Amino acid sequence: HDGQSLVYDQSDPTNDSGDIWTLDLKKGVANRLTYDSVNESAPIWSPDDSRVLYFKNIGAAADLMLTASNGTGTGEILLSNGARNRPNDWSRSGRFVVVHSEPAGSSGTADLWVYSFEEKKASPWLATPFRETSGRFSPDERWIAYTSDESGRREVYVRGFSATGGKWR
């Protein structure tokens, strides 16, 4: 967000293992944030750039993790529900994260979950028999845009974050 650093995963395709790194764009210096032998990927900056959200493979599942962007401390588990969780977006206020969660053994379905930092818990936001992914908050946090295949093809929808009212394709 500050334009000074980049967060990325550096993966080894031979063993499906990746770690989260930051890169200081002015100095060209990389800093490794994770060191596990399992795959860690899909990093997202917190709104104040102090933390990084990512997923960590645990067997067939993937937990939602959080770590400090300066490399101190260890990763904290935010969501471990036995599903494959992928962070999608962090609200501008820093209060919420939207995640798409694919249940273990699912046949192409995925739901959108929201993690609340105030409540310190995640709960389903949109759970249907279809595949909902790529959730993004509007700047004012009133809306979430996402993709769904409910029509038979992947399309973008917008729905109120409070999940009341309608949705628009």
Protein backbone atom coordinates (compact mmCIF):
# COMPACT_ATOMS: atom_id res chain seq x y z
CA HIS A 1 0.00 0.00 0.00
CA ASP A 2 2.82 2.43 0.75
CA GLY A 3 4.57 1.66 -2.55
CA GLN A 4 7.81 0.89 -0.72
CA SER A 5 7.55 -2.90 -0.41
CA LEU A 6 6.18 -5.90 -2.24
CA VAL A 7 4.85 -9.06 -0.59
CA TYR A 8 4.98 -12.31 -2.58
CA ASP A 9 5.32 -16.05 -2.33
CA GLN A 10 8.37 -17.75 -3.72
CA SER A 11 7.49 -21.32 -4.63
CA ASP A 12 9.45 -24.39 -5.59
CA PRO A 13 7.40 -26.23 -8.24
CA THR A 14 9.34 -29.48 -7.70
CA ASN A 15 7.93 -30.00 -4.20
CA ASP A 16 4.88 -27.67 -4.08
CA SER A 17 6.48 -25.71 -1.28
CA GLY A 18 6.43 -21.95 -1.02
CA ASP A 19 7.20 -19.26 1.51
CA ILE A 20 6.12 -15.66 2.02
CA TRP A 21 8.69 -12.90 1.40
CA THR A 22 8.74 -9.11 1.34
CA LEU A 23 10.93 -7.02 -0.94
CA ASP A 24 12.09 -3.49 -0.12
CA LEU A 25 11.71 -1.87 -3.56
CA LYS A 26 14.19 0.95 -2.92
CA LYS A 27 16.98 -1.18 -1.46
CA GLY A 28 16.26 -4.35 -3.41
CA VAL A 29 16.48 -6.37 -0.19
CA ALA A 30 14.23 -9.42 0.35
CA ASN A 31 13.09 -10.60 3.77
CA ARG A 32 11.70 -14.10 4.28
CA LEU A 33 8.65 -14.23 6.58
CA THR A 34 7.86 -17.97 6.64
CA TYR A 35 10.09 -21.04 6.80
CA ASP A 36 7.78 -24.07 6.85
CA SER A 37 8.30 -27.00 4.51
CA VAL A 38 4.62 -26.86 3.48
CA ASN A 39 3.22 -24.48 0.88
CA GLU A 40 2.36 -20.94 2.03
CA SER A 41 0.94 -18.59 -0.56
CA ALA A 42 -1.52 -15.82 -1.57
CA PRO A 43 -0.18 -13.05 0.71
CA ILE A 44 -2.24 -9.91 1.32
CA TRP A 45 -1.05 -6.76 3.13
CA SER A 46 -3.02 -5.39 6.07
CA PRO A 47 -4.31 -1.86 5.41
CA ASP A 48 -1.48 -0.38 7.54
CA ASP A 49 1.15 -2.73 6.00
CA SER A 50 2.13 -4.06 9.46
CA ARG A 51 0.81 -7.60 8.90
CA VAL A 52 0.47 -10.15 6.14
CA LEU A 53 -2.36 -12.61 5.66
CA TYR A 54 -1.75 -15.86 3.73
CA PHE A 55 -2.73 -19.51 3.55
CA LYS A 56 -0.71 -22.49 4.77
CA ASN A 57 -1.34 -25.99 3.44
CA ILE A 58 -2.07 -28.53 6.17
CA GLY A 59 -2.56 -31.86 4.40
CA ALA A 60 -5.58 -31.48 2.10
CA ALA A 61 -6.68 -28.34 3.96
CA ALA A 62 -5.28 -24.82 4.03
CA ASP A 63 -5.40 -22.64 7.14
CA LEU A 64 -5.71 -18.86 7.07
CA MET A 65 -2.59 -17.40 8.72
CA LEU A 66 -1.40 -13.98 9.90
CA THR A 67 2.15 -12.76 10.56
CA ALA A 68 3.98 -9.50 11.18
CA SER A 69 5.38 -7.97 7.98
CA ASN A 70 8.67 -7.09 9.67
CA GLY A 71 9.56 -10.76 10.15
CA THR A 72 9.15 -10.86 13.92
CA GLY A 73 7.10 -13.57 15.62
CA THR A 74 5.49 -16.62 14.11
CA GLY A 75 2.37 -17.17 12.07
CA GLU A 76 -0.95 -17.08 13.91
CA ILE A 77 -3.86 -19.28 12.76
CA LEU A 78 -7.01 -17.24 12.10
CA LEU A 79 -9.15 -19.93 10.44
CA SER A 80 -8.69 -23.69 10.58
CA ASN A 81 -11.92 -25.39 9.55
CA GLY A 82 -10.63 -28.40 7.60
CA ALA A 83 -11.28 -26.61 4.28
CA ARG A 84 -8.95 -25.04 1.71
CA ASN A 85 -9.06 -21.35 2.69
CA ARG A 86 -7.70 -18.57 0.48
CA PRO A 87 -7.59 -14.92 1.55
CA ASN A 88 -9.28 -12.63 -0.96
CA ASP A 89 -9.36 -9.11 0.50
CA TRP A 90 -8.80 -7.10 3.68
CA SER A 91 -11.25 -4.26 4.37
CA ARG A 92 -9.81 -0.73 4.43
CA SER A 93 -10.76 -0.31 8.09
CA GLY A 94 -8.76 -3.44 8.93
CA ARG A 95 -11.75 -4.95 10.74
CA PHE A 96 -12.62 -7.75 8.27
CA VAL A 97 -11.11 -10.21 5.84
CA VAL A 98 -13.06 -12.04 3.14
CA VAL A 99 -11.90 -15.58 2.38
CA HIS A 100 -13.06 -18.20 -0.07
CA SER A 101 -13.31 -21.58 1.57
CA GLU A 102 -13.48 -24.86 -0.35
CA PRO A 103 -14.78 -27.71 1.81
CA ALA A 104 -12.62 -30.85 1.88
CA GLY A 105 -13.82 -33.35 -0.68
CA SER A 106 -16.04 -30.78 -2.39
CA SER A 107 -16.97 -31.17 -6.00
CA GLY A 108 -16.12 -27.68 -7.17
CA THR A 109 -18.01 -25.70 -4.55
CA ALA A 110 -16.57 -22.82 -2.54
CA ASP A 111 -18.17 -20.41 -0.10
CA LEU A 112 -17.23 -16.94 1.06
CA TRP A 113 -16.38 -16.49 4.74
CA VAL A 114 -15.64 -13.29 6.65
CA TYR A 115 -13.15 -13.12 9.50
CA SER A 116 -13.86 -10.39 12.09
CA PHE A 117 -10.84 -9.11 13.99
CA GLU A 118 -13.15 -7.63 16.65
CA GLU A 119 -14.89 -10.97 17.29
CA LYS A 120 -11.74 -13.00 16.53
CA LYS A 121 -13.73 -15.51 14.52
CA ALA A 122 -14.74 -16.41 10.99
CA SER A 123 -18.20 -17.31 9.80
CA PRO A 124 -19.81 -18.10 6.45
CA TRP A 125 -20.98 -14.99 4.61
CA LEU A 126 -22.32 -16.68 1.48
CA ALA A 127 -22.80 -20.45 1.48
CA THR A 128 -24.53 -21.96 -1.55
CA PRO A 129 -24.20 -25.11 -3.68
CA PHE A 130 -22.23 -22.99 -6.19
CA ARG A 131 -18.62 -21.77 -6.37
CA GLU A 132 -18.19 -18.27 -4.93
CA THR A 133 -14.65 -16.87 -4.94
CA SER A 134 -12.63 -13.66 -5.37
CA GLY A 135 -14.50 -11.58 -2.79
CA ARG A 136 -13.57 -7.87 -2.65
CA PHE A 137 -14.83 -5.19 -0.28
CA SER A 138 -16.01 -1.84 -1.58
CA PRO A 139 -13.97 1.06 -0.13
CA ASP A 140 -16.83 1.92 2.27
CA GLU A 141 -17.29 -1.76 3.29
CA ARG A 142 -20.98 -1.68 2.36
CA TRP A 143 -20.61 -4.14 -0.53
CA ILE A 144 -18.72 -7.25 -1.54
CA ALA A 145 -18.10 -8.07 -5.20
CA TYR A 146 -17.41 -11.74 -5.95
CA THR A 147 -17.54 -14.34 -8.69
CA SER A 148 -20.11 -17.13 -8.81
CA ASP A 149 -21.01 -19.89 -11.23
CA GLU A 150 -24.66 -20.00 -10.13
CA SER A 151 -25.83 -19.10 -13.66
CA GLY A 152 -23.82 -21.93 -15.20
CA ARG A 153 -20.82 -19.74 -16.01
CA ARG A 154 -18.48 -17.59 -13.91
CA GLU A 155 -19.89 -14.09 -13.48
CA VAL A 156 -19.32 -11.15 -11.14
CA TYR A 157 -21.95 -10.23 -8.56
CA VAL A 158 -22.26 -7.43 -6.01
CA ARG A 159 -24.11 -7.95 -2.74
CA GLY A 160 -24.51 -5.90 0.43
CA PHE A 161 -21.95 -6.85 3.07
CA SER A 162 -24.75 -7.09 5.63
CA ALA A 163 -26.10 -9.87 3.33
CA THR A 164 -29.56 -8.32 3.40
CA GLY A 165 -31.28 -7.10 0.31
CA GLY A 166 -30.50 -8.05 -3.23
CA LYS A 167 -27.53 -8.83 -5.36
CA TRP A 168 -26.61 -7.59 -8.81
CA ARG A 169 -24.83 -9.39 -11.62
